Protein backbone atom coordinates (compact mmCIF):
# COMPACT_ATOMS: atom_id res chain seq x y z
CA MET A 1 -42.82 66.90 41.85
CA THR A 2 -40.51 66.72 38.72
CA LYS A 3 -40.35 63.50 37.01
CA ASN A 4 -37.08 61.96 36.23
CA LYS A 5 -36.43 61.17 32.52
CA GLN A 6 -36.15 57.65 31.74
CA ILE A 7 -33.03 56.11 30.55
CA CYS A 8 -33.35 53.43 27.78
CA PRO A 9 -30.89 51.00 25.80
CA ALA A 10 -29.89 51.55 22.45
CA THR A 11 -32.57 50.23 20.13
CA ARG A 12 -30.13 47.94 18.52
CA LEU A 13 -30.92 45.82 21.66
CA ASP A 14 -34.45 45.56 20.93
CA HIS A 15 -33.98 42.34 19.08
CA VAL A 16 -30.89 41.08 20.78
CA SER A 17 -31.39 38.90 24.00
CA GLU A 18 -28.93 37.44 26.33
CA TYR A 19 -27.24 34.24 24.77
CA TYR A 20 -29.10 31.00 25.47
CA PHE A 21 -26.12 28.87 27.13
CA SER A 22 -25.58 32.20 29.23
CA ARG A 23 -29.07 31.82 30.59
CA LYS A 24 -28.98 27.94 30.98
CA LEU A 25 -25.63 27.65 32.34
CA LYS A 26 -26.94 29.89 35.20
CA GLU A 27 -30.01 27.65 35.59
CA ILE A 28 -27.18 24.60 35.98
CA ALA A 29 -25.18 26.27 38.09
CA ARG A 30 -28.32 26.79 40.50
CA LEU A 31 -29.37 23.29 40.29
CA ARG A 32 -25.72 22.13 41.19
CA ALA A 33 -25.59 24.61 43.92
CA GLU A 34 -28.69 22.92 45.50
CA GLY A 35 -26.88 19.49 45.41
CA ILE A 36 -28.34 18.26 42.10
CA ASP A 37 -25.83 16.61 39.97
CA ILE A 38 -26.09 17.70 36.17
CA VAL A 39 -24.23 15.85 33.56
CA SER A 40 -23.83 18.78 30.88
CA LEU A 41 -23.54 17.68 27.03
CA GLY A 42 -24.56 21.18 26.06
CA ILE A 43 -21.34 23.29 25.18
CA GLY A 44 -19.01 22.81 22.79
CA GLY A 45 -15.97 23.56 24.87
CA PRO A 46 -13.18 21.20 24.48
CA ASP A 47 -12.17 19.51 27.59
CA LEU A 48 -8.68 18.28 26.50
CA PRO A 49 -5.43 20.22 26.87
CA PRO A 50 -3.80 22.05 24.17
CA PRO A 51 -0.33 20.83 22.70
CA ALA A 52 2.16 21.15 25.52
CA ALA A 53 4.54 23.38 23.19
CA ALA A 54 1.79 25.90 23.25
CA VAL A 55 1.64 25.99 27.22
CA ASP A 56 5.51 26.00 27.37
CA ALA A 57 5.93 28.91 24.84
CA ALA A 58 3.25 30.99 26.60
CA VAL A 59 5.22 30.30 30.12
CA ARG A 60 8.38 31.24 28.82
CA CYS A 61 7.03 34.37 27.28
CA LEU A 62 5.29 35.41 30.45
CA GLU A 63 8.62 35.07 32.38
CA ARG A 64 10.31 37.86 30.18
CA PRO A 65 9.86 41.12 31.59
CA ASP A 66 9.54 42.58 28.10
CA SER A 67 6.45 40.65 27.24
CA HIS A 68 3.80 42.53 29.26
CA GLY A 69 3.00 45.63 27.20
CA TYR A 70 0.60 46.53 24.35
CA GLN A 71 0.83 44.59 21.32
CA MET A 72 -0.27 45.50 17.96
CA THR A 73 -3.96 44.79 16.60
CA VAL A 74 -2.58 43.15 13.88
CA GLY A 75 -0.74 40.70 15.93
CA LEU A 76 2.80 39.36 15.74
CA PRO A 77 4.55 38.82 12.29
CA ALA A 78 5.27 35.36 13.23
CA LEU A 79 1.69 34.58 14.18
CA ARG A 80 0.51 35.88 10.90
CA LYS A 81 3.28 33.59 9.05
CA ALA A 82 2.13 30.70 11.22
CA PHE A 83 -1.34 31.14 10.20
CA ALA A 84 -0.27 31.15 6.47
CA ASP A 85 1.76 28.10 6.94
CA TRP A 86 -0.83 26.32 8.53
CA TYR A 87 -3.42 27.12 5.74
CA GLU A 88 -0.98 25.87 3.20
CA ARG A 89 0.05 22.76 5.38
CA ARG A 90 -3.54 21.85 6.41
CA TYR A 91 -5.75 23.24 3.63
CA ASN A 92 -3.43 23.41 0.60
CA VAL A 93 -4.25 26.84 0.41
CA THR A 94 -1.18 28.68 -1.06
CA GLY A 95 0.13 32.35 -1.81
CA LEU A 96 -1.31 33.70 1.64
CA ASP A 97 0.60 36.86 2.38
CA PRO A 98 0.94 37.09 6.04
CA ASP A 99 0.99 40.87 6.05
CA ARG A 100 -2.08 41.47 3.54
CA ASN A 101 -4.48 38.18 3.64
CA ILE A 102 -4.45 37.41 7.20
CA LEU A 103 -5.94 39.26 10.29
CA PRO A 104 -5.81 37.48 14.01
CA LEU A 105 -8.79 37.71 16.14
CA ILE A 106 -9.43 37.61 19.36
CA GLY A 107 -11.58 34.29 18.74
CA SER A 108 -13.74 33.95 15.89
CA LYS A 109 -16.77 35.18 17.65
CA GLU A 110 -15.14 38.61 17.69
CA GLY A 111 -14.66 38.40 14.23
CA VAL A 112 -18.33 37.87 13.32
CA LEU A 113 -19.27 41.28 14.89
CA ASN A 114 -16.06 42.91 13.35
CA VAL A 115 -17.23 41.51 9.72
CA ALA A 116 -20.83 42.76 10.39
CA LEU A 117 -19.73 46.50 11.46
CA ALA A 118 -17.09 46.68 8.70
CA PHE A 119 -19.47 45.54 5.87
CA LEU A 120 -22.99 46.42 6.96
CA ASN A 121 -24.81 49.78 7.09
CA PRO A 122 -28.42 49.99 8.60
CA GLY A 123 -31.10 48.28 6.62
CA ASP A 124 -28.36 45.97 4.63
CA GLY A 125 -29.51 42.49 4.25
CA VAL A 126 -27.82 39.55 5.44
CA LEU A 127 -28.29 35.62 4.67
CA VAL A 128 -28.25 33.74 7.56
CA PRO A 129 -28.53 29.91 7.83
CA ASP A 130 -31.52 28.12 9.65
CA PRO A 131 -30.06 26.27 11.68
CA GLY A 132 -26.97 28.15 12.07
CA TYR A 133 -25.02 29.79 14.94
CA PRO A 134 -27.00 32.25 16.58
CA THR A 135 -24.26 35.07 16.63
CA TYR A 136 -24.59 35.45 12.92
CA THR A 137 -28.18 36.96 13.76
CA SER A 138 -27.24 38.77 16.93
CA ALA A 139 -24.22 40.63 15.20
CA SER A 140 -26.13 41.35 12.10
CA ARG A 141 -28.93 43.01 14.56
CA ILE A 142 -26.31 44.85 16.38
CA ALA A 143 -25.09 46.19 13.21
CA LEU A 144 -28.75 47.33 12.42
CA ALA A 145 -28.92 44.77 9.28
CA GLU A 146 -31.87 43.12 8.20
CA VAL A 147 -31.74 39.27 8.65
CA PHE A 148 -32.83 37.02 5.97
CA THR A 149 -32.71 33.45 6.77
CA TYR A 150 -32.19 30.68 4.15
CA SER A 151 -33.53 27.30 5.14
CA LEU A 152 -31.46 24.20 5.37
CA SER A 153 -33.20 20.89 5.48
CA GLU A 154 -32.35 17.48 6.30
CA ASP A 155 -33.94 16.49 3.07
CA ASN A 156 -31.62 18.66 0.94
CA GLY A 157 -28.56 17.19 2.90
CA TRP A 158 -28.28 20.58 5.28
CA MET A 159 -26.98 22.25 1.99
CA PRO A 160 -28.20 25.56 0.63
CA ASP A 161 -30.80 25.34 -1.86
CA PHE A 162 -29.47 27.66 -4.51
CA ASP A 163 -32.83 27.96 -6.39
CA ALA A 164 -34.47 29.36 -3.23
CA LEU A 165 -31.53 31.66 -2.83
CA GLU A 166 -31.80 33.01 -6.36
CA ARG A 167 -35.51 34.04 -5.50
CA MET A 168 -34.33 36.10 -2.50
CA PRO A 169 -34.26 40.12 -2.76
CA LEU A 170 -30.51 39.86 -3.58
CA ASP A 171 -30.35 43.55 -4.77
CA ARG A 172 -30.66 44.16 -0.84
CA ILE A 173 -28.33 41.44 0.29
CA LYS A 174 -24.67 42.33 0.72
CA LEU A 175 -23.32 39.54 2.96
CA MET A 176 -23.92 36.17 3.52
CA TRP A 177 -22.97 33.64 6.30
CA VAL A 178 -21.98 29.95 5.62
CA ASN A 179 -20.50 27.30 8.02
CA TYR A 180 -18.83 24.30 6.68
CA PRO A 181 -18.45 21.65 8.25
CA HIS A 182 -21.83 22.86 9.67
CA MET A 183 -22.83 23.63 13.06
CA PRO A 184 -25.13 22.29 14.47
CA THR A 185 -25.55 19.41 12.06
CA GLY A 186 -22.23 18.40 11.48
CA THR A 187 -22.51 18.41 8.01
CA ALA A 188 -19.28 18.16 5.86
CA ALA A 189 -17.83 20.76 3.29
CA THR A 190 -17.90 19.78 -0.28
CA ILE A 191 -15.89 21.57 -2.92
CA GLU A 192 -18.95 21.68 -5.29
CA VAL A 193 -20.97 23.96 -2.67
CA PHE A 194 -17.94 26.16 -2.15
CA GLU A 195 -17.79 26.75 -5.96
CA ARG A 196 -21.43 27.54 -6.11
CA LEU A 197 -21.40 29.84 -2.97
CA VAL A 198 -18.19 31.70 -4.65
CA ASP A 199 -20.26 31.67 -8.14
CA PHE A 200 -23.33 33.03 -6.17
CA GLY A 201 -21.26 35.72 -4.39
CA ARG A 202 -19.59 36.96 -7.34
CA ARG A 203 -22.69 37.24 -9.47
CA HIS A 204 -24.64 38.97 -7.20
CA GLY A 205 -22.02 41.10 -5.32
CA ILE A 206 -22.45 39.42 -1.81
CA VAL A 207 -19.61 38.82 0.56
CA ILE A 208 -19.58 35.10 1.43
CA VAL A 209 -18.21 34.55 4.70
CA ASN A 210 -17.37 30.96 5.54
CA ASP A 211 -17.10 30.30 9.41
CA ASN A 212 -14.64 27.12 9.47
CA PRO A 213 -13.54 26.27 13.02
CA TYR A 214 -14.66 22.51 12.78
CA SER A 215 -12.70 21.30 9.62
CA MET A 216 -10.10 19.51 11.63
CA ILE A 217 -12.35 17.42 13.85
CA LEU A 218 -13.52 14.04 12.74
CA ASN A 219 -12.56 14.88 9.07
CA ASP A 220 -9.61 13.32 7.29
CA TYR A 221 -9.90 15.90 4.20
CA PRO A 222 -10.04 19.54 5.84
CA MET A 223 -11.28 22.16 3.10
CA SER A 224 -11.22 26.01 2.98
CA ILE A 225 -13.55 28.02 0.68
CA PHE A 226 -10.25 29.34 -0.66
CA ASN A 227 -9.53 25.95 -2.46
CA VAL A 228 -12.00 27.57 -4.97
CA PRO A 229 -10.50 29.79 -7.84
CA GLY A 230 -11.94 33.26 -7.60
CA ALA A 231 -12.67 33.04 -3.99
CA ASP A 232 -10.49 35.96 -2.85
CA GLU A 233 -12.82 38.42 -4.92
CA VAL A 234 -15.73 37.90 -2.61
CA ALA A 235 -14.75 35.58 0.30
CA ILE A 236 -13.90 35.95 3.88
CA GLU A 237 -13.05 32.76 5.81
CA MET A 238 -12.72 32.68 9.80
CA ASN A 239 -11.06 29.99 11.53
CA SER A 240 -10.13 29.34 15.19
CA LEU A 241 -7.76 27.41 17.40
CA SER A 242 -10.46 27.02 19.89
CA LYS A 243 -12.02 23.53 18.36
CA CYS A 244 -9.07 21.94 16.67
CA LEU A 245 -6.38 22.78 19.21
CA ASN A 246 -8.20 22.75 22.58
CA MET A 247 -7.72 26.78 23.07
CA ALA A 248 -11.23 27.99 23.56
CA GLY A 249 -10.09 30.04 26.42
CA TRP A 250 -6.85 31.41 24.96
CA ARG A 251 -9.33 33.21 22.34
CA VAL A 252 -7.26 32.75 19.27
CA GLY A 253 -8.84 33.27 15.76
CA MET A 254 -7.96 34.39 12.39
CA LEU A 255 -9.65 35.95 9.18
CA VAL A 256 -8.26 35.22 5.45
CA ALA A 257 -9.52 37.42 2.93
CA ASN A 258 -8.23 39.83 0.36
CA PRO A 259 -6.34 42.90 1.40
CA VAL A 260 -9.23 45.43 0.86
CA PHE A 261 -11.28 43.30 3.12
CA VAL A 262 -8.65 42.87 5.94
CA GLU A 263 -8.14 46.53 5.85
CA TRP A 264 -11.83 47.27 6.36
CA VAL A 265 -12.13 44.67 9.09
CA LEU A 266 -8.83 46.23 10.72
CA LYS A 267 -10.45 49.77 10.74
CA VAL A 268 -13.15 48.26 12.93
CA LYS A 269 -10.96 45.90 15.27
CA SER A 270 -8.03 48.46 15.73
CA ASN A 271 -10.82 51.01 17.36
CA ILE A 272 -11.94 48.27 19.68
CA ASP A 273 -9.23 46.21 21.08
CA SER A 274 -5.42 46.57 21.75
CA GLY A 275 -4.31 43.32 20.51
CA GLN A 276 -3.86 39.78 21.98
CA PRO A 277 -1.39 39.06 24.98
CA ARG A 278 2.04 38.32 23.47
CA ALA A 279 1.80 35.21 25.65
CA ILE A 280 -1.00 34.14 23.89
CA MET A 281 0.43 34.96 20.52
CA GLU A 282 3.54 32.85 21.08
CA GLY A 283 1.78 29.99 22.44
CA ALA A 284 -0.63 29.94 19.37
CA ILE A 285 2.50 30.00 17.17
CA ALA A 286 3.65 26.78 18.96
CA ALA A 287 0.35 25.03 18.86
CA LEU A 288 0.06 25.69 15.00
CA ALA A 289 3.14 23.72 14.36
CA ALA A 290 1.49 20.65 16.12
CA SER A 291 2.34 17.29 14.17
CA ASP A 292 -0.12 15.05 12.06
CA GLN A 293 0.13 12.53 15.12
CA TRP A 294 -1.34 15.16 17.48
CA TYR A 295 -4.33 15.61 15.26
CA ALA A 296 -4.80 11.74 14.84
CA ASP A 297 -4.73 11.11 18.50
CA LEU A 298 -7.26 13.99 19.05
CA ASN A 299 -9.70 12.54 16.34
CA ALA A 300 -9.08 8.96 17.82
CA GLU A 301 -10.50 10.33 21.11
CA TYR A 302 -13.33 12.25 19.54
CA ALA A 303 -14.40 9.05 17.37
CA ALA A 304 -14.53 7.06 20.58
CA ARG A 305 -16.62 9.78 22.13
CA GLN A 306 -18.89 10.00 18.99
CA GLN A 307 -19.59 6.26 19.41
CA ILE A 308 -20.85 6.81 22.76
CA CYS A 309 -23.03 9.82 21.92
CA ALA A 310 -24.60 7.83 19.12
CA ARG A 311 -25.58 5.20 21.92
CA ILE A 312 -26.91 8.43 23.84
CA MET A 313 -28.99 9.37 20.90
CA ASP A 314 -30.41 5.87 20.54
CA ALA A 315 -31.35 5.88 24.18
CA LEU A 316 -33.31 9.18 23.70
CA GLY A 317 -34.87 7.74 20.75
CA CYS A 318 -33.19 10.29 18.30
CA ARG A 319 -32.36 9.44 14.80
CA CYS A 320 -28.79 10.76 13.54
CA ARG A 321 -27.31 11.09 10.05
CA PRO A 322 -24.22 9.22 9.74
CA GLY A 323 -20.56 10.83 8.98
CA GLN A 324 -21.14 14.04 11.21
CA GLN A 325 -18.04 16.43 11.68
CA GLY A 326 -17.16 18.49 14.38
CA LEU A 327 -17.76 18.41 18.19
CA PHE A 328 -21.49 17.39 18.23
CA LEU A 329 -24.07 15.01 17.29
CA TRP A 330 -27.40 16.31 15.61
CA GLY A 331 -30.41 14.13 16.08
CA ARG A 332 -33.90 14.11 15.22
CA ILE A 333 -36.46 13.84 18.28
CA PRO A 334 -39.19 11.37 18.19
CA ASP A 335 -42.34 12.42 16.33
CA SER A 336 -44.23 11.94 19.58
CA GLU A 337 -42.20 14.48 21.50
CA LYS A 338 -44.09 18.08 21.60
CA SER A 339 -40.82 20.06 20.82
CA ALA A 340 -37.16 19.92 21.13
CA GLU A 341 -37.17 22.57 24.00
CA ALA A 342 -39.88 20.62 25.80
CA PHE A 343 -37.98 17.31 25.51
CA ALA A 344 -34.42 18.82 26.45
CA ASP A 345 -36.25 20.23 29.56
CA ARG A 346 -37.76 16.96 30.19
CA ILE A 347 -34.60 15.20 29.97
CA LEU A 348 -32.75 17.83 32.33
CA ALA A 349 -35.62 17.41 34.94
CA GLU A 350 -36.03 13.74 34.86
CA LYS A 351 -32.41 12.51 33.84
CA ARG A 352 -30.29 15.18 35.22
CA VAL A 353 -28.55 15.27 31.75
CA PHE A 354 -28.60 18.57 29.84
CA ILE A 355 -28.77 18.54 25.98
CA THR A 356 -29.14 21.33 23.67
CA PRO A 357 -32.62 21.83 22.05
CA GLY A 358 -32.21 22.87 18.26
CA PHE A 359 -34.81 25.51 18.24
CA ILE A 360 -31.84 27.85 19.52
CA PHE A 361 -30.16 27.61 16.26
CA GLY A 362 -33.42 28.55 14.24
CA PRO A 363 -36.90 27.34 13.34
CA SER A 364 -35.51 24.62 11.07
CA GLY A 365 -33.98 23.02 14.33
CA ASN A 366 -37.23 22.91 16.08
CA ARG A 367 -37.36 18.91 15.90
CA TYR A 368 -33.47 18.45 16.54
CA ILE A 369 -31.37 18.16 19.66
CA ARG A 370 -27.48 18.51 19.71
CA VAL A 371 -25.20 16.44 22.03
CA SER A 372 -21.74 17.54 22.80
CA LEU A 373 -18.64 15.34 22.51
CA CYS A 374 -16.71 17.72 24.92
CA ALA A 375 -16.81 15.36 28.03
CA PRO A 376 -14.49 12.52 29.20
CA GLN A 377 -15.75 9.10 28.14
CA PRO A 378 -16.93 8.27 31.79
CA THR A 379 -19.02 11.49 31.69
CA LEU A 380 -20.59 10.25 28.58
CA ARG A 381 -21.03 6.71 29.88
CA GLU A 382 -22.74 8.22 33.00
CA ALA A 383 -25.18 9.99 30.95
CA LEU A 384 -25.85 7.12 28.80
CA ARG A 385 -26.41 5.20 32.26
CA ARG A 386 -28.91 7.72 33.50
CA LEU A 387 -30.77 7.66 30.23
CA THR A 388 -31.11 3.90 30.29
CA ASP A 389 -31.58 3.39 34.05
CA GLY A 390 -28.26 1.51 34.16
CA ASP A 391 -29.05 -0.93 31.36
CA ASN A 392 -26.25 0.03 29.17
């Protein structure tokens, strides 16, 4: 009997696994289907609505018969201009050419892979933060690049150790991922770190990619790496409306870079997707015009939630650094706990509250957990009640 030839996946999947939250949310869905009520404080998906003007603009567009065809991969000119105006108004970054410096993305997560495919050859080195967003690693591996992690530590304020970076095999490194304000630690951006990153990239011929979706959340002074002179030589910045404008499901992001870098990423992107729906883009244009008061109201809500989450961390016995920005609180677990994963699993089993163990962001997160602010205040109070057995 002839044996059939076995079909195998691409070798690029050998070191890529299903995303942690994809797996964990299936487990939570199973528990809920069994009648077990779970309070989820894991995902950073905003639960609040986007600006009303964005919804109105999208609905009006959907009602027009000429709005349903293919769109350009580079997006509407008005969307690119709205992004440029937003960067000038919110980050004080002037002189961005909407036609040459900006590329809309179907969410910045898409941009992570597009950048990896545009810049990395098999075997090229990539610097990835530990702890950091897991997609930086998985996208690099899908591109068949070699991942070199650079450790961030609480002792160093969760900032890069530039002396340690200089000892890396920099002749092999082509690209470096950074993310300030930082996820998961909530560490704020500083102009000094951006200046050092730009200098590091220029001296070593390394592309510095700053992933910047959290800069409007609990932050009075949003920054961009393009606030640094000379950043346009080596830097790319990605941004998103998912967090700051509550549009996670709309999948609207952007990339800012010099025209050559934009063109390289566009070569990849134009062969993968056929652009965003026009209604989504017109809604995004309206959202980008949101007033100062809209952001102030949003941050007032997150500030109130952060106070409750600080009490949740206290109830868990976890220690938090003050001044965290973004949609989470990051805390160190008690020394008596075996690991963050075991700790989170125990809290889920005993208290029916899901928190994120820090190990998923890298080995440097093994003694930390993350709690999301993306739940209504009554839900957060219920989590606190469960953790304190009603004594809150």
